[in-house]
Amino acid sequence: MEKKPFNDVDEYNQKHMGTPSSYNMKQMPKPIRIIGYILISFMTVAATLLILLIILDKIF
């Protein structure tokens, strides 16, 4: 199912430059999905550790 472009710029990019109209991870090639999942996982773990370290620093 293709989304309608938001404005003329989006329509031009989709038709002439080939930008995707949606970013569904299931439609991406497998290596790109793996890299995406690794990056998202790394950022989640890093943010969790950062919050945890800030809380521990305030406690002790």
C-alpha atoms as a PDB file:
ATOM      1  CA  MET A   1       0.000   0.000   0.000  1.00  0.00           C
ATOM      2  CA  GLU A   2       1.558   3.238  -1.143  1.00  0.00           C
ATOM      3  CA  LYS A   3       1.090   6.400   0.898  1.00  0.00           C
ATOM      4  CA  LYS A   4       0.031   9.581  -0.833  1.00  0.00           C
ATOM      5  CA  PRO A   5       2.767  12.227  -0.895  1.00  0.00           C
ATOM      6  CA  PHE A   6       2.444  14.963   1.730  1.00  0.00           C
ATOM      7  CA  ASN A   7       3.332  17.724  -0.708  1.00  0.00           C
ATOM      8  CA  ASP A   8       4.860  18.305  -4.156  1.00  0.00           C
ATOM      9  CA  VAL A   9       8.417  17.872  -2.882  1.00  0.00           C
ATOM     10  CA  ASP A  10       7.674  14.414  -1.507  1.00  0.00           C
ATOM     11  CA  GLU A  11       5.943  13.455  -4.745  1.00  0.00           C
ATOM     12  CA  TYR A  12       8.947  14.641  -6.786  1.00  0.00           C
ATOM     13  CA  ASN A  13      11.382  12.727  -4.560  1.00  0.00           C
ATOM     14  CA  GLN A  14       9.332   9.537  -4.818  1.00  0.00           C
ATOM     15  CA  LYS A  15       8.939   9.691  -8.590  1.00  0.00           C
ATOM     16  CA  HIS A  16      12.289  11.078  -9.736  1.00  0.00           C
ATOM     17  CA  MET A  17      14.803  10.313  -7.000  1.00  0.00           C
ATOM     18  CA  GLY A  18      13.371   7.006  -5.833  1.00  0.00           C
ATOM     19  CA  THR A  19      12.930   7.747  -2.150  1.00  0.00           C
ATOM     20  CA  PRO A  20      10.650   5.226  -0.443  1.00  0.00           C
ATOM     21  CA  SER A  21       7.189   6.304   0.634  1.00  0.00           C
ATOM     22  CA  SER A  22       7.344   4.184   3.792  1.00  0.00           C
ATOM     23  CA  TYR A  23      10.134   2.839   5.977  1.00  0.00           C
ATOM     24  CA  ASN A  24       8.974  -0.626   6.944  1.00  0.00           C
ATOM     25  CA  MET A  25      11.893  -2.660   8.297  1.00  0.00           C
ATOM     26  CA  LYS A  26      10.401  -5.910   6.941  1.00  0.00           C
ATOM     27  CA  GLN A  27      10.764  -4.604   3.371  1.00  0.00           C
ATOM     28  CA  MET A  28      14.454  -3.741   3.732  1.00  0.00           C
ATOM     29  CA  PRO A  29      17.196  -6.158   2.615  1.00  0.00           C
ATOM     30  CA  LYS A  30      18.389  -8.493   5.356  1.00  0.00           C
ATOM     31  CA  PRO A  31      21.879  -6.917   5.909  1.00  0.00           C
ATOM     32  CA  ILE A  32      20.339  -3.456   6.302  1.00  0.00           C
ATOM     33  CA  ARG A  33      17.748  -4.831   8.733  1.00  0.00           C
ATOM     34  CA  ILE A  34      20.482  -6.468  10.815  1.00  0.00           C
ATOM     35  CA  ILE A  35      22.504  -3.230  10.941  1.00  0.00           C
ATOM     36  CA  GLY A  36      19.349  -1.298  11.854  1.00  0.00           C
ATOM     37  CA  TYR A  37      18.465  -3.685  14.659  1.00  0.00           C
ATOM     38  CA  ILE A  38      22.043  -3.559  15.997  1.00  0.00           C
ATOM     39  CA  LEU A  39      22.078   0.254  15.988  1.00  0.00           C
ATOM     40  CA  ILE A  40      18.681   0.525  17.659  1.00  0.00           C
ATOM     41  CA  SER A  41      19.707  -2.050  20.278  1.00  0.00           C
ATOM     42  CA  PHE A  42      23.002  -0.254  20.956  1.00  0.00           C
ATOM     43  CA  MET A  43      21.279   3.109  21.392  1.00  0.00           C
ATOM     44  CA  THR A  44      18.687   1.579  23.731  1.00  0.00           C
ATOM     45  CA  VAL A  45      21.331  -0.080  25.899  1.00  0.00           C
ATOM     46  CA  ALA A  46      23.475   3.077  25.929  1.00  0.00           C
ATOM     47  CA  ALA A  47      20.527   5.283  26.944  1.00  0.00           C
ATOM     48  CA  THR A  48      19.525   2.832  29.682  1.00  0.00           C
ATOM     49  CA  LEU A  49      23.080   2.703  31.045  1.00  0.00           C
ATOM     50  CA  LEU A  50      23.374   6.477  30.929  1.00  0.00           C
ATOM     51  CA  ILE A  51      20.156   6.923  32.916  1.00  0.00           C
ATOM     52  CA  LEU A  52      21.215   4.224  35.370  1.00  0.00           C
ATOM     53  CA  LEU A  53      24.642   5.807  35.894  1.00  0.00           C
ATOM     54  CA  ILE A  54      23.106   9.254  36.447  1.00  0.00           C
ATOM     55  CA  ILE A  55      20.709   7.817  39.052  1.00  0.00           C
ATOM     56  CA  LEU A  56      23.526   5.908  40.787  1.00  0.00           C
ATOM     57  CA  ASP A  57      25.712   9.015  40.798  1.00  0.00           C
ATOM     58  CA  LYS A  58      22.988  11.006  42.576  1.00  0.00           C
ATOM     59  CA  ILE A  59      22.417   8.247  45.151  1.00  0.00           C
ATOM     60  CA  PHE A  60      26.058   7.708  46.127  1.00  0.00           C
END
